[in-house]
């Protein structure tokens, strides 16, 4: 049986219109979570590692509940252009994100002390339903950037060591 006949048989007499409705409904019902950085603090009491604390606001913009992963992956580049990667753990009783209800969550972990002076930080969050989300900050100032600007500036830094986004 050809593929077109199979799809038509599965969707009944709807054919192409039924397929478009099915795709549209699944697109409309998919959960989308917005992520906003509230603040990032460092505890520098111990050496050579520091305690990193990150406060993030999640908002589920979908119609159904979803939940976030208890781990967040942080990737950055040190001043010597070396990659630095570590994980942060969520400090929350419930990881459920209800629709249209903001939730502020604290993530905590240990990182090498060079993280304070790192650039091009990417924090990745995963969810039980929906796509993963990333926070992109240029440096410790917390200045965020879109994907294209972030990628272009990171490429300049990796190749030439240039930091045109740093003022002062």
N, C-alpha and C. Protein backbone atom coordinates (compact mmCIF):
# COMPACT_ATOMS: atom_id res chain seq x y z
N UNK A 1 0.85 -1.17 0.00
CA UNK A 1 0.00 0.00 0.00
C UNK A 1 0.90 1.24 0.00
N UNK A 2 0.71 2.18 -0.92
CA UNK A 2 1.52 3.40 -0.96
C UNK A 2 1.31 4.24 0.30
N UNK A 3 2.28 5.08 0.60
CA UNK A 3 2.24 5.90 1.82
C UNK A 3 1.05 6.85 1.83
N UNK A 4 0.71 7.43 0.68
CA UNK A 4 -0.42 8.37 0.62
C UNK A 4 -1.72 7.66 0.98
N UNK A 5 -1.90 6.42 0.48
CA UNK A 5 -3.11 5.67 0.80
C UNK A 5 -3.14 5.30 2.28
N UNK A 6 -2.00 5.00 2.85
CA UNK A 6 -1.92 4.65 4.26
C UNK A 6 -2.33 5.83 5.14
N UNK A 7 -1.81 7.02 4.83
CA UNK A 7 -2.16 8.22 5.61
C UNK A 7 -3.65 8.51 5.45
N UNK A 8 -4.16 8.39 4.23
CA UNK A 8 -5.58 8.66 3.99
C UNK A 8 -6.44 7.64 4.74
N UNK A 9 -5.99 6.41 4.79
CA UNK A 9 -6.75 5.38 5.50
C UNK A 9 -6.74 5.64 7.01
N UNK A 10 -5.60 6.11 7.54
CA UNK A 10 -5.51 6.39 8.96
C UNK A 10 -6.34 7.61 9.37
N UNK A 11 -6.38 8.62 8.51
CA UNK A 11 -7.09 9.84 8.85
C UNK A 11 -8.54 9.84 8.38
N UNK A 12 -8.96 8.81 7.73
CA UNK A 12 -10.35 8.74 7.25
C UNK A 12 -10.54 9.63 6.05
N UNK A 13 -11.71 10.19 5.92
CA UNK A 13 -12.01 10.99 4.74
C UNK A 13 -11.40 12.39 4.82
N UNK A 14 -10.76 12.74 5.93
CA UNK A 14 -10.17 14.06 6.08
C UNK A 14 -9.00 14.30 5.16
N UNK A 15 -8.22 13.26 4.87
CA UNK A 15 -7.08 13.39 3.98
C UNK A 15 -6.09 14.43 4.45
N UNK A 16 -5.74 15.36 3.57
CA UNK A 16 -4.75 16.39 3.85
C UNK A 16 -5.25 17.35 4.93
N UNK A 17 -6.52 17.67 4.90
CA UNK A 17 -7.07 18.59 5.91
C UNK A 17 -6.98 17.97 7.29
N UNK A 18 -7.28 16.67 7.41
CA UNK A 18 -7.15 15.99 8.69
C UNK A 18 -5.73 15.97 9.19
N UNK A 19 -4.79 15.76 8.28
CA UNK A 19 -3.37 15.77 8.65
C UNK A 19 -2.95 17.15 9.15
N UNK A 20 -3.39 18.21 8.46
CA UNK A 20 -3.06 19.57 8.88
C UNK A 20 -3.67 19.89 10.25
N UNK A 21 -4.89 19.45 10.49
CA UNK A 21 -5.51 19.66 11.79
C UNK A 21 -4.77 18.93 12.90
N UNK A 22 -4.32 17.70 12.60
CA UNK A 22 -3.58 16.91 13.58
C UNK A 22 -2.26 17.59 13.93
N UNK A 23 -1.52 18.07 12.93
CA UNK A 23 -0.25 18.75 13.16
C UNK A 23 -0.48 20.07 13.89
N UNK A 24 -1.51 20.81 13.48
CA UNK A 24 -1.82 22.09 14.13
C UNK A 24 -2.19 21.92 15.59
N UNK A 25 -2.98 20.90 15.90
CA UNK A 25 -3.39 20.66 17.28
C UNK A 25 -2.19 20.26 18.14
N UNK A 26 -1.31 19.41 17.62
CA UNK A 26 -0.14 19.02 18.41
C UNK A 26 0.79 20.21 18.61
N UNK A 27 0.90 21.11 17.63
CA UNK A 27 1.74 22.31 17.76
C UNK A 27 1.14 23.25 18.79
N UNK A 28 -0.17 23.39 18.79
CA UNK A 28 -0.84 24.29 19.71
C UNK A 28 -0.77 23.79 21.16
N UNK A 29 -0.78 22.50 21.36
CA UNK A 29 -0.79 21.94 22.71
C UNK A 29 0.60 21.69 23.29
N UNK A 30 1.65 21.94 22.53
CA UNK A 30 2.98 21.66 23.05
C UNK A 30 3.35 22.67 24.13
N UNK A 31 3.96 22.20 25.20
CA UNK A 31 4.35 23.11 26.28
C UNK A 31 5.56 23.95 25.88
N UNK A 32 5.52 25.21 26.21
CA UNK A 32 6.62 26.13 25.98
C UNK A 32 6.93 26.81 27.31
N UNK A 33 8.17 26.77 27.70
CA UNK A 33 8.58 27.35 28.99
C UNK A 33 9.53 28.50 28.72
N UNK A 34 9.23 29.65 29.32
CA UNK A 34 10.16 30.78 29.24
C UNK A 34 11.05 30.76 30.49
N UNK A 35 12.30 31.13 30.29
CA UNK A 35 13.28 31.12 31.38
C UNK A 35 13.90 32.50 31.49
N UNK A 36 13.93 33.04 32.70
CA UNK A 36 14.50 34.37 32.93
C UNK A 36 15.45 34.30 34.12
N UNK A 37 16.64 34.85 33.95
CA UNK A 37 17.64 34.88 35.01
C UNK A 37 17.26 35.96 36.02
N UNK A 38 17.12 35.56 37.28
CA UNK A 38 16.82 36.51 38.35
C UNK A 38 18.12 37.08 38.92
N UNK A 39 19.03 36.19 39.36
CA UNK A 39 20.34 36.64 39.85
C UNK A 39 21.28 35.45 39.97
N UNK A 40 22.57 35.80 40.04
CA UNK A 40 23.62 34.79 40.20
C UNK A 40 24.57 35.30 41.27
N UNK A 41 24.82 34.46 42.27
CA UNK A 41 25.72 34.85 43.35
C UNK A 41 26.81 33.80 43.52
N UNK A 42 27.92 34.23 44.10
CA UNK A 42 29.06 33.34 44.30
C UNK A 42 29.45 33.36 45.77
N UNK A 43 29.77 32.18 46.30
CA UNK A 43 30.32 32.07 47.64
C UNK A 43 31.79 31.74 47.51
N UNK A 44 32.66 32.66 47.91
CA UNK A 44 34.10 32.50 47.67
C UNK A 44 34.87 32.17 48.94
N UNK A 45 34.25 31.47 49.87
CA UNK A 45 34.91 31.15 51.14
C UNK A 45 35.97 30.07 50.98
N UNK A 46 35.76 29.12 50.09
CA UNK A 46 36.67 27.99 49.97
C UNK A 46 37.44 28.06 48.66
N UNK A 47 38.64 27.53 48.66
CA UNK A 47 39.45 27.48 47.45
C UNK A 47 39.76 26.03 47.15
N UNK A 48 39.99 25.60 45.97
CA UNK A 48 39.98 26.31 44.69
C UNK A 48 38.59 26.35 44.06
N UNK A 49 37.57 25.83 44.74
CA UNK A 49 36.23 25.85 44.19
C UNK A 49 35.37 26.91 44.88
N UNK A 50 34.32 27.34 44.19
CA UNK A 50 33.39 28.31 44.75
C UNK A 50 31.98 27.72 44.68
N UNK A 51 31.10 28.28 45.48
CA UNK A 51 29.71 27.87 45.43
C UNK A 51 28.96 28.84 44.52
N UNK A 52 28.28 28.31 43.51
CA UNK A 52 27.51 29.11 42.57
C UNK A 52 26.04 28.91 42.89
N UNK A 53 25.32 30.01 43.02
CA UNK A 53 23.88 29.96 43.28
C UNK A 53 23.18 30.78 42.20
N UNK A 54 22.25 30.16 41.52
CA UNK A 54 21.56 30.76 40.38
C UNK A 54 20.06 30.75 40.65
N UNK A 55 19.42 31.91 40.57
CA UNK A 55 17.97 31.99 40.73
C UNK A 55 17.35 32.25 39.36
N UNK A 56 16.39 31.41 39.01
CA UNK A 56 15.78 31.45 37.68
C UNK A 56 14.27 31.45 37.83
N UNK A 57 13.60 32.19 36.95
CA UNK A 57 12.14 32.18 36.92
C UNK A 57 11.67 31.39 35.71
N UNK A 58 10.89 30.34 35.96
CA UNK A 58 10.28 29.55 34.90
C UNK A 58 8.81 29.96 34.77
N UNK A 59 8.32 30.01 33.53
CA UNK A 59 6.89 30.21 33.32
C UNK A 59 6.43 29.31 32.18
N UNK A 60 5.52 28.40 32.51
CA UNK A 60 4.97 27.47 31.54
C UNK A 60 3.90 28.21 30.74
N UNK A 61 4.13 28.41 29.45
CA UNK A 61 3.19 29.13 28.61
C UNK A 61 2.29 28.18 27.83
N UNK A 62 2.36 26.90 28.14
CA UNK A 62 1.50 25.92 27.48
C UNK A 62 0.20 25.74 28.21
N UNK A 63 -0.56 24.73 27.82
CA UNK A 63 -1.87 24.47 28.42
C UNK A 63 -1.84 23.34 29.44
N UNK A 64 -0.77 22.58 29.46
CA UNK A 64 -0.67 21.43 30.35
C UNK A 64 0.57 21.54 31.23
N UNK A 65 0.54 20.83 32.35
CA UNK A 65 1.68 20.84 33.27
C UNK A 65 2.90 20.21 32.62
N UNK A 66 4.06 20.67 33.04
CA UNK A 66 5.33 20.05 32.69
C UNK A 66 6.22 20.17 33.92
N UNK A 67 7.39 19.58 33.88
CA UNK A 67 8.31 19.70 35.01
C UNK A 67 9.73 19.88 34.47
N UNK A 68 10.57 20.47 35.29
CA UNK A 68 11.96 20.70 34.89
C UNK A 68 12.86 19.64 35.50
N UNK A 69 13.99 19.41 34.86
CA UNK A 69 14.97 18.45 35.33
C UNK A 69 15.66 19.02 36.58
N UNK A 70 16.04 18.16 37.53
CA UNK A 70 16.70 18.67 38.74
C UNK A 70 18.12 19.14 38.51
N UNK A 71 18.67 18.90 37.33
CA UNK A 71 20.03 19.31 37.00
C UNK A 71 20.02 20.36 35.90
N UNK A 72 20.91 21.34 36.00
CA UNK A 72 21.12 22.34 34.96
C UNK A 72 22.60 22.29 34.57
N UNK A 73 22.87 22.25 33.28
CA UNK A 73 24.26 22.17 32.79
C UNK A 73 24.75 23.57 32.46
N UNK A 74 25.93 23.93 32.98
CA UNK A 74 26.54 25.24 32.74
C UNK A 74 27.80 25.04 31.92
N UNK A 75 27.90 25.79 30.82
CA UNK A 75 29.09 25.76 29.97
C UNK A 75 29.57 27.19 29.79
N UNK A 76 30.88 27.41 29.88
CA UNK A 76 31.44 28.75 29.68
C UNK A 76 32.87 28.63 29.19
N UNK A 77 33.46 29.77 28.89
CA UNK A 77 34.86 29.83 28.47
C UNK A 77 35.62 30.68 29.47
N UNK A 78 36.76 30.18 29.93
CA UNK A 78 37.58 30.93 30.88
C UNK A 78 38.32 32.04 30.14
N UNK A 79 39.01 32.88 30.88
CA UNK A 79 39.77 33.97 30.27
C UNK A 79 40.87 33.44 29.35
N UNK A 80 41.32 32.20 29.58
CA UNK A 80 42.33 31.58 28.72
C UNK A 80 41.71 30.82 27.55
N UNK A 81 40.43 31.03 27.32
CA UNK A 81 39.65 30.40 26.23
C UNK A 81 39.51 28.89 26.38
N UNK A 82 39.59 28.41 27.61
CA UNK A 82 39.40 26.99 27.90
C UNK A 82 37.94 26.74 28.26
N UNK A 83 37.36 25.63 27.79
CA UNK A 83 35.96 25.35 28.16
C UNK A 83 35.85 24.91 29.62
N UNK A 84 34.77 25.31 30.25
CA UNK A 84 34.49 25.00 31.64
C UNK A 84 33.04 24.52 31.72
N UNK A 85 32.84 23.30 32.24
CA UNK A 85 31.50 22.72 32.31
C UNK A 85 31.27 22.13 33.69
N UNK A 86 30.07 22.38 34.25
CA UNK A 86 29.69 21.78 35.52
C UNK A 86 28.16 21.77 35.62
N UNK A 87 27.63 21.08 36.62
CA UNK A 87 26.19 20.95 36.82
C UNK A 87 25.76 21.66 38.09
N UNK A 88 24.54 22.18 38.05
CA UNK A 88 23.91 22.77 39.22
C UNK A 88 22.68 21.94 39.57
N UNK A 89 22.37 21.83 40.84
CA UNK A 89 21.22 21.06 41.31
C UNK A 89 20.13 22.00 41.79
N UNK A 90 18.88 21.65 41.49
CA UNK A 90 17.74 22.47 41.89
C UNK A 90 17.45 22.28 43.37
N UNK A 91 17.07 23.36 44.01
CA UNK A 91 16.65 23.32 45.42
C UNK A 91 15.17 23.67 45.46
N UNK A 92 14.33 22.70 45.10
CA UNK A 92 12.88 22.95 45.06
C UNK A 92 12.16 21.70 45.55
N UNK A 93 11.07 21.91 46.28
CA UNK A 93 10.27 20.79 46.76
C UNK A 93 9.50 20.14 45.62
N UNK A 94 8.92 20.97 44.76
CA UNK A 94 8.14 20.47 43.63
C UNK A 94 8.76 20.99 42.34
N UNK A 95 8.88 20.13 41.36
CA UNK A 95 9.45 20.53 40.08
C UNK A 95 8.37 20.72 39.02
N UNK A 96 7.10 20.70 39.42
CA UNK A 96 6.00 20.84 38.48
C UNK A 96 5.79 22.31 38.11
N UNK A 97 5.64 22.56 36.81
CA UNK A 97 5.36 23.90 36.31
C UNK A 97 3.92 23.92 35.81
N UNK A 98 3.07 24.64 36.52
CA UNK A 98 1.67 24.76 36.13
C UNK A 98 1.53 25.82 35.05
N UNK A 99 0.52 25.73 34.19
CA UNK A 99 0.36 26.72 33.12
C UNK A 99 0.20 28.15 33.67
N UNK A 100 0.89 29.08 33.05
CA UNK A 100 0.79 30.52 33.28
C UNK A 100 0.98 30.90 34.75
N UNK A 101 1.84 30.16 35.44
CA UNK A 101 2.15 30.48 36.84
C UNK A 101 3.67 30.53 36.98
N UNK A 102 4.25 31.73 37.17
CA UNK A 102 5.70 31.82 37.32
C UNK A 102 6.20 31.11 38.58
N UNK A 103 7.36 30.52 38.48
CA UNK A 103 7.96 29.82 39.61
C UNK A 103 9.45 30.18 39.65
N UNK A 104 9.91 30.71 40.78
CA UNK A 104 11.33 31.04 40.95
C UNK A 104 12.01 29.86 41.63
N UNK A 105 13.08 29.37 41.01
CA UNK A 105 13.79 28.19 41.49
C UNK A 105 15.26 28.55 41.67
N UNK A 106 15.86 28.08 42.76
CA UNK A 106 17.28 28.28 43.01
C UNK A 106 18.04 27.01 42.63
N UNK A 107 19.13 27.19 41.92
CA UNK A 107 20.03 26.10 41.56
C UNK A 107 21.36 26.37 42.26
N UNK A 108 21.99 25.30 42.75
CA UNK A 108 23.21 25.45 43.55
C UNK A 108 24.21 24.39 43.13
N UNK A 109 25.49 24.74 43.14
CA UNK A 109 26.53 23.79 42.80
C UNK A 109 27.91 24.37 43.05
N UNK A 110 28.92 23.55 42.81
CA UNK A 110 30.31 23.96 43.00
C UNK A 110 31.00 24.02 41.65
N UNK A 111 31.85 25.03 41.51
CA UNK A 111 32.56 25.25 40.25
C UNK A 111 33.98 25.71 40.54
N UNK A 112 34.89 25.54 39.59
CA UNK A 112 36.23 26.09 39.78
C UNK A 112 36.17 27.61 39.93
N UNK A 113 37.09 28.17 40.68
CA UNK A 113 37.08 29.61 40.97
C UNK A 113 37.22 30.46 39.71
N UNK A 114 37.75 29.92 38.63
CA UNK A 114 37.89 30.68 37.39
C UNK A 114 36.54 30.99 36.75
N UNK A 115 35.48 30.36 37.22
CA UNK A 115 34.15 30.62 36.67
C UNK A 115 33.73 32.07 36.87
N UNK A 116 34.17 32.69 37.95
CA UNK A 116 33.80 34.09 38.22
C UNK A 116 34.27 35.00 37.09
N UNK A 117 35.39 34.68 36.47
CA UNK A 117 35.96 35.51 35.41
C UNK A 117 35.69 34.94 34.02
N UNK A 118 34.75 34.03 33.91
CA UNK A 118 34.48 33.39 32.62
C UNK A 118 33.55 34.24 31.76
N UNK A 119 33.51 33.91 30.49
CA UNK A 119 32.68 34.60 29.51
C UNK A 119 31.83 33.58 28.76
N UNK A 120 30.78 34.07 28.11
CA UNK A 120 29.91 33.28 27.24
C UNK A 120 29.34 32.07 27.98
N UNK A 121 28.56 32.37 29.00
CA UNK A 121 27.95 31.33 29.83
C UNK A 121 26.63 30.87 29.22
N UNK A 122 26.47 29.58 29.15
CA UNK A 122 25.22 28.98 28.67
C UNK A 122 24.73 28.03 29.76
N UNK A 123 23.52 28.26 30.25
CA UNK A 123 22.90 27.39 31.24
C UNK A 123 21.73 26.69 30.54
N UNK A 124 21.78 25.36 30.46
CA UNK A 124 20.75 24.59 29.77
C UNK A 124 19.82 23.92 30.76
N UNK A 125 18.52 24.08 30.51
CA UNK A 125 17.48 23.48 31.33
C UNK A 125 16.69 22.50 30.46
N UNK A 126 16.36 21.35 31.02
CA UNK A 126 15.56 20.35 30.31
C UNK A 126 14.21 20.21 31.01
N UNK A 127 13.21 19.84 30.22
CA UNK A 127 11.85 19.71 30.72
C UNK A 127 11.29 18.35 30.32
N UNK A 128 10.32 17.87 31.09
CA UNK A 128 9.74 16.56 30.80
C UNK A 128 8.96 16.59 29.49
N UNK A 129 8.36 17.72 29.17
CA UNK A 129 7.65 17.89 27.91
C UNK A 129 8.08 19.22 27.31
N UNK A 130 8.32 19.23 26.03
CA UNK A 130 8.70 20.47 25.37
C UNK A 130 10.21 20.54 25.15
N UNK A 131 10.64 21.56 24.41
CA UNK A 131 12.07 21.69 24.09
C UNK A 131 12.88 22.19 25.28
N UNK A 132 14.19 21.93 25.23
CA UNK A 132 15.07 22.46 26.28
C UNK A 132 15.25 23.96 26.04
N UNK A 133 15.61 24.67 27.08
CA UNK A 133 15.83 26.11 27.01
C UNK A 133 17.22 26.44 27.53
N UNK A 134 17.79 27.51 26.97
CA UNK A 134 19.13 27.94 27.37
C UNK A 134 19.12 29.41 27.73
N UNK A 135 19.85 29.74 28.78
CA UNK A 135 20.13 31.13 29.14
C UNK A 135 21.53 31.44 28.65
N UNK A 136 21.68 32.52 27.91
CA UNK A 136 22.99 32.91 27.40
C UNK A 136 23.37 34.26 27.97
N UNK A 137 24.45 34.30 28.75
CA UNK A 137 24.97 35.56 29.28
C UNK A 137 26.40 35.74 28.79
N UNK A 138 26.75 36.98 28.52
CA UNK A 138 28.07 37.26 27.94
C UNK A 138 29.19 37.16 28.96
N UNK A 139 28.94 37.60 30.21
CA UNK A 139 29.97 37.52 31.24
C UNK A 139 29.32 37.67 32.61
N UNK A 140 30.11 37.93 33.64
CA UNK A 140 29.60 37.99 35.00
C UNK A 140 28.63 39.14 35.23
N UNK A 141 28.58 40.10 34.32
CA UNK A 141 27.65 41.22 34.47
C UNK A 141 26.21 40.77 34.30
N UNK A 142 26.00 39.59 33.73
CA UNK A 142 24.64 39.08 33.53
C UNK A 142 23.99 39.61 32.28
N UNK A 143 24.73 40.28 31.43
CA UNK A 143 24.21 40.83 30.18
C UNK A 143 23.87 39.67 29.23
N UNK A 144 22.60 39.56 28.86
CA UNK A 144 22.19 38.46 28.00
C UNK A 144 22.26 38.88 26.54
N UNK A 145 22.23 37.89 25.66
CA UNK A 145 22.30 38.14 24.23
C UNK A 145 21.52 37.07 23.49
N UNK A 146 21.03 37.42 22.33
CA UNK A 146 20.35 36.47 21.47
C UNK A 146 21.32 35.47 20.89
N UNK A 147 20.80 34.44 20.25
CA UNK A 147 21.64 33.35 19.76
C UNK A 147 22.68 33.82 18.74
N UNK A 148 22.28 34.63 17.76
CA UNK A 148 23.22 35.05 16.71
C UNK A 148 24.32 35.95 17.26
N UNK A 149 23.95 36.95 18.06
CA UNK A 149 24.96 37.84 18.62
C UNK A 149 25.89 37.08 19.55
N UNK A 150 25.33 36.22 20.38
CA UNK A 150 26.12 35.42 21.31
C UNK A 150 27.13 34.56 20.55
N UNK A 151 26.67 33.88 19.50
CA UNK A 151 27.55 32.99 18.72
C UNK A 151 28.65 33.77 18.01
N UNK A 152 28.31 34.94 17.45
CA UNK A 152 29.31 35.75 16.75
C UNK A 152 30.38 36.25 17.72
N UNK A 153 29.97 36.76 18.87
CA UNK A 153 30.94 37.26 19.86
C UNK A 153 31.80 36.13 20.42
N UNK A 154 31.20 34.96 20.63
CA UNK A 154 31.96 33.81 21.13
C UNK A 154 33.01 33.36 20.10
N UNK A 155 32.64 33.40 18.82
CA UNK A 155 33.59 33.04 17.76
C UNK A 155 34.75 34.02 17.73
N UNK A 156 34.46 35.33 17.85
CA UNK A 156 35.54 36.33 17.90
C UNK A 156 36.47 36.07 19.08
N UNK A 157 35.90 35.71 20.22
CA UNK A 157 36.72 35.44 21.41
C UNK A 157 37.57 34.20 21.22
N UNK A 158 36.99 33.14 20.67
CA UNK A 158 37.76 31.89 20.48
C UNK A 158 38.89 32.06 19.49
N UNK A 159 38.66 32.80 18.41
CA UNK A 159 39.68 32.94 17.37
C UNK A 159 40.70 34.01 17.72
N UNK A 160 40.24 35.20 18.12
CA UNK A 160 41.14 36.33 18.31
C UNK A 160 41.36 36.71 19.77
N UNK A 161 40.56 36.20 20.69
CA UNK A 161 40.65 36.62 22.08
C UNK A 161 40.02 37.97 22.35
N UNK A 162 39.20 38.43 21.40
CA UNK A 162 38.58 39.75 21.49
C UNK A 162 37.32 39.70 22.35
N UNK A 163 37.12 40.74 23.15
CA UNK A 163 35.92 40.85 23.97
C UNK A 163 35.27 42.22 23.71
N UNK A 164 34.65 42.41 22.55
CA UNK A 164 34.08 43.74 22.25
C UNK A 164 32.87 44.10 23.11
N UNK A 165 32.27 43.14 23.78
CA UNK A 165 31.10 43.43 24.62
C UNK A 165 31.46 43.95 26.00
N UNK A 166 32.75 43.90 26.36
CA UNK A 166 33.19 44.36 27.68
C UNK A 166 33.50 45.85 27.59
N UNK A 167 32.83 46.63 28.46
CA UNK A 167 33.04 48.08 28.50
C UNK A 167 33.68 48.45 29.82
N UNK A 168 34.54 49.43 29.79
CA UNK A 168 35.11 49.90 31.05
C UNK A 168 36.54 49.90 31.01
